[in-house]
Amino acid sequence: MASLSALIFFSSCEDDGGSGTPDAPSVASPSSVIDITTEGTTQVTFTIISAGGYASSTITASAGTATINSEPADGAASGTVVVDFTAPASDVVALVSIKVTDKNGKTANGQATVNVSAEVAPTVDVFPSLDGTGTVTWTSDNVYILRGFIFVNDGQTLTIEAGTVIKGQPGQGAGASALIVARGGKIEANGESDNPIIFTGLADNLDGSIPETENALWGGIIVLGNSVTNNLTLSEGDVAEGKSIEGIPTDEKRGKYGKGTVKFNDVPFTYDEDEDDDSGIIHYVSIRHGGSVIGADNEINGLSLGAVGKGTDIEGVEVFANLDDGIECFGGTVDIRKVVLAYVGDDGLDFDEGFSGTVQYGIVYHTGKTVKSEDPRGGEWDGGVDDNEEVMPYATVKVANVTFVYDNDKNDAIQKEALLIRDNSAASVYNSIFSGHLDQISVEFRNDKANSYDRYVEGLVNIKGNIVYNVNGETSDIKNSFRIKYEKGDVSDLPGGQTDEDDFLQDMADNNTLVDPGFGTGADTFKPSAAEVKTDIATVPTGLDQSTYKGGIDPDAADPFFKGWTKLYGWL
């Protein structure tokens, strides 16, 4: 088991604007390492500041047991809560969480991470090799150090146990580090909701000392498959070698994705591919502080998926503080569940090249102080690339129950579109929440070739059952939260001119709601409370769960789905 240290967390409300009610309390978790052996006991001390007077605390533990040993006097303005923690009998990363309530009912949350292990974990260096990793298991009693581009080759399977920590060495260009699963290879990353697998930079001691502004400390994870992409440019009779994935040198053949033989029936042509291609399992994996720069405008995403097929099982992925995008799908058909993308430098969910899978249940959280690009978007959903925009398959990704939040804490003028559907994409979004973005939810129109507005007219682009609030600064007229984005031409180029644009905006108003979602604070930051969250739920297509609420967080659940395995939860 990797040696982990307790994370530091602070949680408090903003000033109440002069109402006379004191600010919410704050909580600081221990700053020193907490390492104990299995079935051992230790004390975890939380420091409390409570201008409103201390009232009570509740303690939970994701593993083992935790009880309050001592706490501040009733009404105290400060003090400590000392918790007795008893470790379980097995190796685990245990999370000890506290919720403090003051006399005014205001709350704050803190969380400490305790490494439970029979012994301190040794480190294992993993070096690049043309032979790949081989079929091997990485175990939780070691810390693995990626010393460059580490490939899982065709025919190999890399299994990673729950609780394993993997760190990438720093470096840019050829000196960067990343884990790449080549076509035909598999990753079996079997993390658990209370015992995640953690990928991070070598400098991260997991003690909370690396802030959300630190990125590009290493590369990221890249998974490549044999599923569909509409970006294979071939001549008649050619066998598709595949495209080179973003972030990997083009002369590395193991960095190719998608393949097939061109069938020249009618233009546009299609490819032989395996839509059900299986690249393995990614369950409860936290990917932190990545995004090494390979070249100009070429960074590694937190998780890159190149033509990954529907046979791949992805549920529970956090990308925290990545320089480039959170998750980017280059074609493929994989279904993705439970994602948390926070403090990324560019787009949250980025889809390209005919991606036609689904995404459901997620948080995409941007702040002005961590964006790095000139156009960071909650979602950038492209259909194809350049001349391949009209090549089948169209991108038909379907997204539901994702909460997109932009906290514009820098108040700058960088474009921050909530969502852009373009390049002939036929993407759809249902029962989601968009809040705080400076620019609208946009569907691209252009008069020089096929485009996403055309796909909307065909009924393939559906934007239904969503809540929007303070998008484009709008809090009263929902139509101003949406737009047709004229990339080439203007409203006069629409078949029906201004009437078509008016009809589009009315459709958005009729099928979506403008209301403050009523988010909470601390661990409840993304938990909505507005009644509209549970009304007028859109019916979703096959392949998605029919939820009873809007956004990524169930308003009736005691805890959000990302508690216990993400860094973001403790950061709130």
Protein backbone atom coordinates (compact mmCIF):
# COMPACT_ATOMS: atom_id res chain seq x y z
CA MET A 1 0.00 0.00 0.00
CA ALA A 2 1.29 3.42 -0.86
CA SER A 3 2.26 5.71 1.97
CA LEU A 4 -0.42 8.36 2.09
CA SER A 5 -0.78 11.39 4.22
CA ALA A 6 -3.80 13.20 5.57
CA LEU A 7 -5.22 15.78 3.25
CA ILE A 8 -5.87 19.36 4.31
CA PHE A 9 -9.37 20.67 3.66
CA PHE A 10 -11.07 23.96 4.39
CA SER A 11 -14.76 24.60 3.91
CA SER A 12 -16.71 27.74 4.62
CA CYS A 13 -19.45 29.93 3.20
CA GLU A 14 -18.99 33.34 1.66
CA ASP A 15 -19.73 36.43 3.69
CA ASP A 16 -23.45 36.87 4.24
CA GLY A 17 -23.42 40.39 2.88
CA GLY A 18 -24.06 42.20 6.15
CA SER A 19 -27.05 40.24 7.49
CA GLY A 20 -25.41 40.01 10.91
CA THR A 21 -25.19 36.22 10.88
CA PRO A 22 -21.58 35.05 11.29
CA ASP A 23 -19.87 33.17 8.49
CA ALA A 24 -20.00 29.38 8.41
CA PRO A 25 -17.38 27.47 10.40
CA SER A 26 -14.15 26.21 8.84
CA VAL A 27 -12.38 22.90 9.27
CA ALA A 28 -8.68 22.07 8.85
CA SER A 29 -7.64 18.43 8.78
CA PRO A 30 -4.24 17.18 10.01
CA SER A 31 -1.20 18.25 8.02
CA SER A 32 1.08 15.38 9.09
CA VAL A 33 1.19 11.89 7.60
CA ILE A 34 -1.23 9.35 9.05
CA ASP A 35 0.11 5.87 8.40
CA ILE A 36 -1.09 2.99 10.56
CA THR A 37 -1.02 -0.77 10.36
CA THR A 38 -4.04 -2.96 9.82
CA GLU A 39 -6.27 -3.21 12.91
CA GLY A 40 -4.22 -0.44 14.53
CA THR A 41 -5.65 2.65 16.22
CA THR A 42 -4.77 6.30 15.96
CA GLN A 43 -6.23 9.73 16.64
CA VAL A 44 -7.23 12.19 13.93
CA THR A 45 -7.48 15.82 15.03
CA PHE A 46 -9.55 18.43 13.18
CA THR A 47 -9.15 22.12 14.03
CA ILE A 48 -12.39 24.10 14.12
CA ILE A 49 -13.04 27.82 13.81
CA SER A 50 -16.68 28.76 14.41
CA ALA A 51 -17.63 32.42 14.63
CA GLY A 52 -21.24 31.37 15.06
CA GLY A 53 -20.46 29.15 18.02
CA TYR A 54 -19.72 25.43 17.92
CA ALA A 55 -22.79 23.18 18.17
CA SER A 56 -21.96 19.63 17.05
CA SER A 57 -19.97 17.31 14.79
CA THR A 58 -20.72 14.07 12.99
CA ILE A 59 -18.00 11.63 11.94
CA THR A 60 -17.99 8.93 9.26
CA ALA A 61 -15.29 6.58 7.98
CA SER A 62 -15.20 4.86 4.59
CA ALA A 63 -13.45 1.89 6.22
CA GLY A 64 -12.71 0.98 9.83
CA THR A 65 -14.47 2.80 12.65
CA ALA A 66 -14.28 6.39 13.89
CA THR A 67 -15.76 7.96 17.02
CA ILE A 68 -15.43 11.38 18.64
CA ASN A 69 -13.05 11.37 21.59
CA SER A 70 -13.34 15.07 22.47
CA GLU A 71 -14.78 18.25 20.97
CA PRO A 72 -15.04 22.00 21.71
CA ALA A 73 -17.39 23.28 24.38
CA ASP A 74 -20.90 24.21 23.32
CA GLY A 75 -20.82 27.67 21.72
CA ALA A 76 -17.01 27.83 21.51
CA ALA A 77 -15.50 29.99 18.76
CA SER A 78 -12.63 27.57 18.15
CA GLY A 79 -11.17 24.28 19.27
CA THR A 80 -10.40 20.76 18.12
CA VAL A 81 -12.37 17.63 17.44
CA VAL A 82 -10.28 14.56 18.29
CA VAL A 83 -11.39 11.35 16.59
CA ASP A 84 -10.42 7.81 17.60
CA PHE A 85 -9.89 5.75 14.45
CA THR A 86 -9.54 1.97 14.37
CA ALA A 87 -8.26 0.50 11.10
CA PRO A 88 -9.81 -2.53 9.39
CA ALA A 89 -7.99 -5.83 8.97
CA SER A 90 -7.10 -5.27 5.32
CA ASP A 91 -5.02 -2.75 3.39
CA VAL A 92 -7.16 0.21 2.38
CA VAL A 93 -7.15 3.96 1.88
CA ALA A 94 -9.58 5.08 4.58
CA LEU A 95 -11.34 8.44 4.52
CA VAL A 96 -12.35 10.01 7.83
CA SER A 97 -14.95 12.72 7.21
CA ILE A 98 -16.32 15.36 9.59
CA LYS A 99 -19.34 17.63 9.32
CA VAL A 100 -19.38 20.55 11.77
CA THR A 101 -22.54 22.54 12.57
CA ASP A 102 -22.63 25.90 14.32
CA LYS A 103 -25.37 27.50 16.42
CA ASN A 104 -26.95 29.06 13.32
CA GLY A 105 -27.19 25.74 11.50
CA LYS A 106 -24.35 26.54 9.11
CA THR A 107 -22.04 23.66 8.30
CA ALA A 108 -18.52 22.89 7.15
CA ASN A 109 -16.88 19.66 6.03
CA GLY A 110 -13.40 18.23 6.36
CA GLN A 111 -11.77 14.98 5.43
CA ALA A 112 -8.56 13.16 6.30
CA THR A 113 -7.00 10.28 4.41
CA VAL A 114 -5.45 7.44 6.40
CA ASN A 115 -3.23 4.81 4.83
CA VAL A 116 -3.90 1.42 6.37
CA SER A 117 -1.18 -1.03 5.48
CA ALA A 118 0.69 -3.94 6.96
CA GLU A 119 3.89 -2.13 6.04
CA VAL A 120 5.13 0.94 4.16
CA ALA A 121 4.89 0.36 0.43
CA PRO A 122 8.08 0.17 -1.63
CA THR A 123 8.37 1.93 -4.99
CA VAL A 124 8.67 0.11 -8.31
CA ASP A 125 10.12 1.94 -11.32
CA VAL A 126 8.45 1.14 -14.64
CA PHE A 127 10.61 1.97 -17.65
CA PRO A 128 9.63 2.26 -21.34
CA SER A 129 10.09 -0.90 -23.38
CA LEU A 130 9.22 -2.07 -26.87
CA ASP A 131 8.02 -5.23 -25.15
CA GLY A 132 5.37 -3.25 -23.24
CA THR A 133 4.36 -4.05 -19.68
CA GLY A 134 3.55 -7.67 -20.44
CA THR A 135 0.54 -9.28 -18.82
CA VAL A 136 1.10 -8.24 -15.22
CA THR A 137 -0.64 -7.13 -12.04
CA TRP A 138 0.27 -3.94 -10.20
CA THR A 139 -0.54 -4.45 -6.54
CA SER A 140 -1.58 -2.04 -3.81
CA ASP A 141 1.44 -2.86 -1.65
CA ASN A 142 3.70 -0.98 -4.12
CA VAL A 143 3.89 2.54 -5.53
CA TYR A 144 4.60 2.44 -9.28
CA ILE A 145 6.67 5.19 -10.92
CA LEU A 146 6.16 5.72 -14.67
CA ARG A 147 9.55 6.63 -16.14
CA GLY A 148 8.33 7.62 -19.61
CA PHE A 149 5.69 6.43 -22.08
CA ILE A 150 4.60 3.05 -20.71
CA PHE A 151 2.67 0.89 -23.20
CA VAL A 152 0.37 -2.06 -22.67
CA ASN A 153 0.94 -3.78 -26.01
CA ASP A 154 -1.46 -5.70 -28.22
CA GLY A 155 -2.38 -8.96 -26.50
CA GLN A 156 -1.24 -7.82 -23.04
CA THR A 157 -3.39 -7.09 -19.97
CA LEU A 158 -2.37 -4.72 -17.17
CA THR A 159 -4.34 -5.39 -13.98
CA ILE A 160 -4.25 -2.74 -11.24
CA GLU A 161 -5.54 -3.55 -7.77
CA ALA A 162 -7.82 -1.24 -5.79
CA GLY A 163 -5.84 1.19 -3.64
CA THR A 164 -2.78 1.20 -5.90
CA VAL A 165 -0.93 4.50 -6.40
CA ILE A 166 0.84 5.20 -9.71
CA LYS A 167 3.01 8.29 -10.16
CA GLY A 168 4.38 9.76 -13.37
CA GLN A 169 7.77 11.39 -13.62
CA PRO A 170 7.81 15.07 -14.64
CA GLY A 171 8.93 16.16 -18.08
CA GLN A 172 7.75 17.61 -21.36
CA GLY A 173 8.05 16.39 -24.95
CA ALA A 174 9.95 13.10 -25.19
CA GLY A 175 10.66 13.28 -21.46
CA ALA A 176 7.00 13.10 -20.45
CA SER A 177 5.36 10.10 -18.77
CA ALA A 178 2.03 8.47 -19.51
CA LEU A 179 0.26 5.13 -19.48
CA ILE A 180 -0.90 4.05 -22.94
CA VAL A 181 -3.06 1.02 -23.65
CA ALA A 182 -2.45 0.15 -27.30
CA ARG A 183 -5.02 -1.37 -29.65
CA GLY A 184 -5.55 -4.97 -28.63
CA GLY A 185 -4.19 -4.36 -25.14
CA LYS A 186 -6.33 -4.21 -22.00
CA ILE A 187 -6.35 -2.39 -18.70
CA GLU A 188 -8.19 -3.92 -15.75
CA ALA A 189 -8.15 -1.01 -13.27
CA ASN A 190 -10.34 -2.36 -10.51
CA GLY A 191 -10.66 0.54 -8.07
CA GLU A 192 -13.47 0.71 -5.55
CA SER A 193 -15.63 3.59 -4.36
CA ASP A 194 -13.96 3.49 -0.93
CA ASN A 195 -10.54 2.41 -2.18
CA PRO A 196 -9.67 4.12 -5.48
CA ILE A 197 -6.71 3.77 -7.79
CA ILE A 198 -4.77 7.05 -7.89
CA PHE A 199 -2.62 8.34 -10.77
CA THR A 200 -0.68 11.51 -10.02
CA GLY A 201 2.65 13.27 -10.43
CA LEU A 202 5.84 12.15 -8.75
CA ALA A 203 5.90 15.30 -6.60
CA ASP A 204 2.49 14.56 -5.09
CA ASN A 205 2.80 13.01 -1.62
CA LEU A 206 -1.00 12.86 -1.36
CA ASP A 207 -0.86 15.09 1.69
CA GLY A 208 -2.95 17.93 0.28
CA SER A 209 0.06 20.15 -0.39
CA ILE A 210 -0.38 20.17 -4.20
CA PRO A 211 -3.02 22.83 -5.02
CA GLU A 212 -5.61 22.78 -7.76
CA THR A 213 -3.51 25.22 -9.81
CA GLU A 214 -0.67 22.71 -10.26
CA ASN A 215 -0.90 20.79 -13.53
CA ALA A 216 1.36 19.16 -16.13
CA LEU A 217 3.28 17.32 -13.40
CA TRP A 218 3.08 14.23 -15.63
CA GLY A 219 1.07 13.07 -18.65
CA GLY A 220 -2.14 11.09 -18.30
CA ILE A 221 -3.90 7.88 -19.36
CA ILE A 222 -4.50 7.02 -23.02
CA VAL A 223 -6.61 4.04 -24.10
CA LEU A 224 -6.73 3.07 -27.78
CA GLY A 225 -9.14 0.69 -29.47
CA ASN A 226 -10.46 -0.76 -32.72
CA SER A 227 -13.88 0.90 -32.73
CA VAL A 228 -15.25 3.48 -35.12
CA THR A 229 -13.75 6.83 -36.11
CA ASN A 230 -14.68 9.05 -39.05
CA ASN A 231 -11.15 10.44 -39.29
CA LEU A 232 -9.34 7.77 -41.29
CA THR A 233 -8.32 9.46 -44.55
CA LEU A 234 -7.52 6.72 -47.08
CA SER A 235 -7.35 6.02 -50.77
CA GLU A 236 -9.26 3.19 -52.42
CA GLY A 237 -7.84 -0.21 -51.49
CA ASP A 238 -5.74 1.06 -48.59
CA VAL A 239 -5.84 -0.81 -45.30
CA ALA A 240 -6.29 1.61 -42.44
CA GLU A 241 -3.23 1.78 -40.24
CA GLY A 242 -5.09 4.13 -37.94
CA LYS A 243 -4.61 7.67 -36.70
CA SER A 244 -2.00 8.86 -34.21
CA ILE A 245 -3.56 9.88 -30.93
CA GLU A 246 -3.01 13.39 -29.60
CA GLY A 247 -0.11 13.48 -27.16
CA ILE A 248 1.95 10.63 -28.65
CA PRO A 249 4.71 11.10 -31.29
CA THR A 250 3.37 10.22 -34.74
CA ASP A 251 6.21 7.75 -35.42
CA GLU A 252 5.07 5.52 -32.51
CA LYS A 253 2.88 2.85 -34.13
CA ARG A 254 1.50 1.77 -30.77
CA GLY A 255 -0.08 5.23 -30.59
CA LYS A 256 -2.52 4.45 -33.45
CA TYR A 257 -6.26 3.97 -32.96
CA GLY A 258 -9.12 2.74 -35.16
CA LYS A 259 -8.57 0.56 -38.21
CA GLY A 260 -10.36 -1.15 -41.09
CA THR A 261 -10.55 -1.62 -44.84
CA VAL A 262 -12.30 1.07 -46.87
CA LYS A 263 -15.52 0.00 -48.59
CA PHE A 264 -16.09 2.27 -51.58
CA ASN A 265 -19.82 1.83 -52.12
CA ASP A 266 -21.04 5.41 -52.02
CA VAL A 267 -19.45 8.52 -50.62
CA PRO A 268 -19.21 8.96 -47.67
CA PHE A 269 -17.40 5.69 -47.13
CA THR A 270 -17.36 3.52 -44.00
CA TYR A 271 -14.84 1.22 -42.35
CA ASP A 272 -14.70 -2.27 -40.97
CA GLU A 273 -14.46 -1.82 -37.22
CA ASP A 274 -15.48 -3.46 -33.97
CA GLU A 275 -18.01 -1.25 -32.21
CA ASP A 276 -18.01 -3.70 -29.27
CA ASP A 277 -14.22 -3.69 -28.96
CA ASP A 278 -13.11 -4.34 -25.36
CA SER A 279 -10.17 -2.40 -23.91
CA GLY A 280 -10.86 -3.56 -20.34
CA ILE A 281 -12.17 -1.91 -17.16
CA ILE A 282 -11.63 1.48 -15.55
CA HIS A 283 -13.42 1.65 -12.20
CA TYR A 284 -12.97 4.38 -9.58
CA VAL A 285 -9.74 5.87 -10.85
CA SER A 286 -8.56 9.36 -9.86
CA ILE A 287 -6.19 11.05 -12.37
CA ARG A 288 -4.50 14.10 -10.88
CA HIS A 289 -2.25 17.01 -11.96
CA GLY A 290 -1.51 15.75 -15.48
CA GLY A 291 -1.28 17.24 -18.97
CA SER A 292 2.41 17.27 -19.94
CA VAL A 293 3.10 19.24 -23.13
CA ILE A 294 4.38 17.11 -26.02
CA GLY A 295 4.60 19.92 -28.57
CA ALA A 296 2.92 23.12 -29.69
CA ASP A 297 -0.83 22.79 -29.02
CA ASN A 298 -0.28 19.13 -28.16
CA GLU A 299 -0.94 18.27 -24.55
CA ILE A 300 -2.03 15.02 -22.95
CA ASN A 301 -5.60 14.94 -21.68
CA GLY A 302 -6.48 13.48 -18.30
CA LEU A 303 -8.11 10.48 -20.01
CA SER A 304 -7.88 10.13 -23.79
CA LEU A 305 -10.02 7.47 -25.47
CA GLY A 306 -9.20 6.74 -29.11
CA ALA A 307 -11.80 4.58 -30.91
CA VAL A 308 -12.59 2.74 -27.66
CA GLY A 309 -15.45 0.27 -28.05
CA LYS A 310 -18.65 -0.39 -26.16
CA GLY A 311 -17.21 -3.57 -24.67
CA THR A 312 -15.01 -1.40 -22.42
CA ASP A 313 -16.38 -0.79 -18.91
CA ILE A 314 -15.78 2.76 -17.60
CA GLU A 315 -17.44 3.84 -14.36
CA GLY A 316 -15.95 6.26 -11.86
CA VAL A 317 -13.27 8.55 -13.36
CA GLU A 318 -11.94 11.71 -11.76
CA VAL A 319 -9.64 14.11 -13.62
CA PHE A 320 -8.35 16.76 -11.23
CA ALA A 321 -6.22 19.76 -12.31
CA ASN A 322 -5.21 18.65 -15.82
CA LEU A 323 -3.60 21.19 -18.16
CA ASP A 324 -5.71 20.24 -21.18
CA ASP A 325 -9.11 18.52 -21.39
CA GLY A 326 -10.65 16.32 -18.75
CA ILE A 327 -11.85 13.44 -20.96
CA GLU A 328 -11.55 13.49 -24.74
CA CYS A 329 -13.07 10.80 -26.97
CA PHE A 330 -11.66 10.48 -30.50
CA GLY A 331 -14.37 8.40 -32.12
CA GLY A 332 -15.48 5.22 -30.41
CA THR A 333 -18.68 3.87 -28.91
CA VAL A 334 -17.86 3.38 -25.22
CA ASP A 335 -20.40 4.21 -22.49
CA ILE A 336 -19.04 6.25 -19.55
CA ARG A 337 -20.60 6.62 -16.10
CA LYS A 338 -19.82 8.74 -13.03
CA VAL A 339 -17.20 11.29 -14.07
CA VAL A 340 -15.73 14.17 -12.08
CA LEU A 341 -13.71 16.70 -14.10
CA ALA A 342 -12.45 19.58 -11.96
CA TYR A 343 -9.98 22.44 -12.42
CA VAL A 344 -9.08 21.40 -15.97
CA GLY A 345 -7.30 23.92 -18.19
CA ASP A 346 -9.44 23.50 -21.30
CA ASP A 347 -12.64 21.60 -22.04
CA GLY A 348 -14.38 19.30 -19.61
CA LEU A 349 -15.98 16.73 -21.94
CA ASP A 350 -14.48 16.87 -25.44
CA PHE A 351 -15.82 14.62 -28.22
CA ASP A 352 -14.43 14.29 -31.74
CA GLU A 353 -14.39 12.13 -34.86
CA GLY A 354 -17.80 10.51 -34.70
CA PHE A 355 -17.92 9.52 -31.03
CA SER A 356 -21.25 7.77 -30.51
CA GLY A 357 -21.23 6.47 -26.95
CA THR A 358 -23.04 7.81 -23.89
CA VAL A 359 -22.06 9.73 -20.76
CA GLN A 360 -24.25 9.80 -17.66
CA TYR A 361 -23.83 11.17 -14.12
CA GLY A 362 -21.04 13.66 -13.80
CA ILE A 363 -19.60 16.93 -12.56
CA VAL A 364 -17.66 19.34 -14.80
CA TYR A 365 -16.25 22.18 -12.70
CA HIS A 366 -14.18 25.05 -14.08
CA THR A 367 -12.76 28.06 -12.29
CA GLY A 368 -11.25 31.17 -13.81
CA LYS A 369 -7.98 30.75 -11.95
CA THR A 370 -7.19 27.33 -13.44
CA VAL A 371 -8.27 27.61 -17.10
CA LYS A 372 -5.34 27.76 -19.51
CA SER A 373 -6.89 27.94 -22.99
CA GLU A 374 -8.69 30.84 -24.69
CA ASP A 375 -11.91 28.85 -25.11
CA PRO A 376 -12.51 26.52 -22.16
CA ARG A 377 -15.91 24.90 -22.53
CA GLY A 378 -17.99 22.69 -20.33
CA GLY A 379 -18.50 20.53 -23.39
CA GLU A 380 -16.94 20.77 -26.89
CA TRP A 381 -18.74 18.20 -29.01
CA ASP A 382 -17.40 17.96 -32.55
CA GLY A 383 -18.58 15.63 -35.28
CA GLY A 384 -15.60 15.31 -37.58
CA VAL A 385 -12.37 16.97 -38.62
CA ASP A 386 -12.06 19.27 -41.66
CA ASP A 387 -13.00 17.35 -44.83
CA ASN A 388 -14.19 14.39 -42.76
CA GLU A 389 -17.03 16.32 -41.11
CA GLU A 390 -19.49 14.80 -43.61
CA VAL A 391 -18.04 11.29 -43.38
CA MET A 392 -20.15 8.71 -41.59
CA PRO A 393 -20.68 7.98 -38.83
CA TYR A 394 -22.01 11.24 -37.49
CA ALA A 395 -21.24 11.83 -33.85
CA THR A 396 -24.39 10.81 -31.99
CA VAL A 397 -23.17 10.96 -28.40
CA LYS A 398 -25.94 11.19 -25.79
CA VAL A 399 -25.24 12.86 -22.43
CA ALA A 400 -27.51 12.92 -19.39
CA ASN A 401 -27.37 13.99 -15.74
CA VAL A 402 -24.19 16.03 -15.82
CA THR A 403 -23.73 19.24 -13.81
CA PHE A 404 -21.62 21.83 -15.63
CA VAL A 405 -20.45 24.72 -13.42
CA TYR A 406 -18.17 27.63 -14.24
CA ASP A 407 -17.04 29.64 -11.21
CA ASN A 408 -15.80 32.83 -12.81
CA ASP A 409 -13.65 33.84 -9.87
CA LYS A 410 -11.29 35.89 -12.05
CA ASN A 411 -14.12 37.80 -13.75
CA ASP A 412 -12.14 37.88 -16.98
CA ALA A 413 -13.34 37.95 -20.56
CA ILE A 414 -12.18 34.53 -21.77
CA GLN A 415 -14.91 32.78 -23.74
CA LYS A 416 -16.49 30.15 -21.54
CA GLU A 417 -19.26 28.48 -23.53
CA ALA A 418 -21.39 26.12 -21.53
CA LEU A 419 -21.64 23.79 -24.53
CA LEU A 420 -20.73 23.88 -28.21
CA ILE A 421 -22.15 21.32 -30.66
CA ARG A 422 -20.43 21.73 -34.03
CA ASP A 423 -18.71 20.19 -37.07
CA ASN A 424 -21.77 18.16 -38.08
CA SER A 425 -22.13 16.53 -34.66
CA ALA A 426 -25.56 15.15 -33.80
CA ALA A 427 -24.96 15.19 -30.04
CA SER A 428 -27.75 15.47 -27.48
CA VAL A 429 -27.95 16.42 -23.80
CA TYR A 430 -30.72 15.61 -21.34
CA ASN A 431 -31.60 16.36 -17.71
CA SER A 432 -28.38 18.24 -16.98
CA ILE A 433 -27.55 21.52 -15.23
CA PHE A 434 -25.52 24.42 -16.68
CA SER A 435 -24.52 27.24 -14.33
CA GLY A 436 -22.24 30.27 -14.42
CA HIS A 437 -20.80 30.11 -17.95
CA LEU A 438 -20.23 33.46 -19.66
CA ASP A 439 -21.33 32.16 -23.06
CA GLN A 440 -24.33 30.20 -24.26
CA ILE A 441 -25.24 26.66 -25.17
CA SER A 442 -24.47 26.82 -28.89
CA VAL A 443 -25.37 24.81 -31.99
CA GLU A 444 -23.21 25.64 -35.00
CA PHE A 445 -24.58 26.66 -38.38
CA ARG A 446 -22.51 27.24 -41.49
CA ASN A 447 -23.60 27.85 -45.07
CA ASP A 448 -20.68 26.11 -46.79
CA LYS A 449 -21.18 22.48 -45.71
CA ALA A 450 -23.15 20.12 -43.49
CA ASN A 451 -23.41 21.30 -39.90
CA SER A 452 -24.92 20.58 -36.49
CA TYR A 453 -27.90 22.88 -37.04
CA ASP A 454 -28.83 20.67 -40.02
CA ARG A 455 -28.69 17.68 -37.68
CA TYR A 456 -30.96 19.57 -35.25
CA VAL A 457 -33.50 20.18 -38.01
CA GLU A 458 -33.45 16.43 -38.71
CA GLY A 459 -34.33 15.78 -35.07
CA LEU A 460 -30.96 14.26 -34.19
CA VAL A 461 -29.75 17.05 -31.84
CA ASN A 462 -31.91 17.11 -28.72
CA ILE A 463 -31.40 19.54 -25.84
CA LYS A 464 -34.16 18.68 -23.39
CA GLY A 465 -34.95 18.63 -19.70
CA ASN A 466 -31.99 20.77 -18.72
CA ILE A 467 -31.69 23.57 -16.16
CA VAL A 468 -29.73 26.68 -17.12
CA TYR A 469 -28.91 29.53 -14.77
CA ASN A 470 -26.64 32.54 -15.07
CA VAL A 471 -25.48 31.28 -18.45
CA ASN A 472 -24.53 34.28 -20.59
CA GLY A 473 -25.42 36.29 -17.47
CA GLU A 474 -29.08 35.39 -17.93
CA THR A 475 -31.39 34.92 -14.93
CA SER A 476 -34.77 35.79 -16.43
CA ASP A 477 -35.07 35.12 -20.20
CA ILE A 478 -34.11 31.55 -21.01
CA LYS A 479 -33.80 32.23 -24.74
CA ASN A 480 -30.66 34.29 -24.12
CA SER A 481 -28.96 31.17 -22.71
CA PHE A 482 -28.98 29.52 -26.18
CA ARG A 483 -27.90 30.47 -29.67
CA ILE A 484 -27.30 29.33 -33.18
CA LYS A 485 -23.59 30.03 -33.67
CA TYR A 486 -22.94 31.29 -37.19
CA GLU A 487 -19.51 30.01 -38.15
CA LYS A 488 -20.04 30.82 -41.84
CA GLY A 489 -22.96 32.96 -43.00
CA ASP A 490 -25.69 34.53 -40.89
CA VAL A 491 -29.37 34.21 -40.04
CA SER A 492 -30.36 35.09 -43.59
CA ASP A 493 -28.76 31.84 -44.77
CA LEU A 494 -31.18 29.69 -42.78
CA PRO A 495 -33.91 28.26 -45.05
CA GLY A 496 -36.55 30.16 -43.08
CA GLY A 497 -34.39 33.08 -42.07
CA GLN A 498 -35.23 34.79 -38.78
CA THR A 499 -38.27 32.56 -38.31
CA ASP A 500 -36.02 29.49 -38.11
CA GLU A 501 -33.83 31.11 -35.46
CA ASP A 502 -36.89 32.18 -33.46
CA ASP A 503 -38.29 28.65 -33.67
CA PHE A 504 -34.99 27.21 -32.43
CA LEU A 505 -34.88 29.53 -29.43
CA GLN A 506 -38.54 28.84 -28.64
CA ASP A 507 -37.86 25.11 -28.77
CA MET A 508 -35.04 25.59 -26.26
CA ALA A 509 -37.34 27.63 -24.01
CA ASP A 510 -40.13 25.05 -24.20
CA ASN A 511 -37.91 22.07 -23.41
CA ASN A 512 -35.56 23.49 -20.77
CA THR A 513 -35.88 25.55 -17.58
CA LEU A 514 -34.21 28.69 -16.29
CA VAL A 515 -34.05 28.53 -12.50
CA ASP A 516 -31.44 28.80 -9.77
CA PRO A 517 -30.62 25.14 -9.00
CA GLY A 518 -30.04 26.03 -5.35
CA PHE A 519 -26.66 24.42 -4.84
CA GLY A 520 -25.43 23.91 -1.28
CA THR A 521 -21.97 24.53 0.14
CA GLY A 522 -19.03 22.38 1.19
CA ALA A 523 -19.61 18.75 0.31
CA ASP A 524 -23.07 19.77 -0.99
CA THR A 525 -21.62 22.29 -3.49
CA PHE A 526 -23.20 20.52 -6.48
CA LYS A 527 -26.32 19.22 -4.72
CA PRO A 528 -29.38 21.08 -6.05
CA SER A 529 -32.43 21.94 -3.96
CA ALA A 530 -34.79 23.67 -6.41
CA ALA A 531 -38.12 21.91 -6.89
CA GLU A 532 -37.64 22.07 -10.66
CA VAL A 533 -34.78 19.58 -10.35
CA LYS A 534 -37.38 16.80 -10.01
CA THR A 535 -40.04 18.03 -12.44
CA ASP A 536 -40.41 17.89 -16.24
CA ILE A 537 -37.80 15.15 -16.56
CA ALA A 538 -37.01 14.45 -20.20
CA THR A 539 -37.38 10.93 -21.54
CA VAL A 540 -33.95 9.66 -22.52
CA PRO A 541 -32.99 7.35 -25.39
CA THR A 542 -32.09 3.68 -25.06
CA GLY A 543 -28.68 3.24 -23.46
CA LEU A 544 -29.25 5.82 -20.70
CA ASP A 545 -30.91 5.40 -17.30
CA GLN A 546 -34.24 7.13 -16.96
CA SER A 547 -33.44 9.25 -13.91
CA THR A 548 -35.93 11.08 -11.69
CA TYR A 549 -33.84 14.23 -11.31
CA LYS A 550 -31.69 16.71 -13.24
CA GLY A 551 -27.95 17.16 -12.88
CA GLY A 552 -25.20 14.86 -11.71
CA ILE A 553 -26.20 14.64 -8.04
CA ASP A 554 -29.33 12.98 -6.69
CA PRO A 555 -30.92 15.67 -4.48
CA ASP A 556 -32.38 12.99 -2.19
CA ALA A 557 -29.15 11.03 -1.66
CA ALA A 558 -27.33 11.45 1.66
CA ASP A 559 -23.97 11.65 -0.15
CA PRO A 560 -22.91 12.50 -3.71
CA PHE A 561 -21.67 9.68 -5.92
CA PHE A 562 -18.13 11.10 -5.82
CA LYS A 563 -17.66 10.81 -2.06
CA GLY A 564 -14.89 8.47 -0.99
CA TRP A 565 -12.82 8.21 -4.16
CA THR A 566 -12.20 11.71 -5.50
CA LYS A 567 -9.84 14.49 -4.49
CA LEU A 568 -12.54 17.02 -5.35
CA TYR A 569 -14.81 15.83 -2.54
CA GLY A 570 -12.28 16.72 0.11
CA TRP A 571 -11.37 19.95 -1.68
CA LEU A 572 -14.86 21.40 -1.33
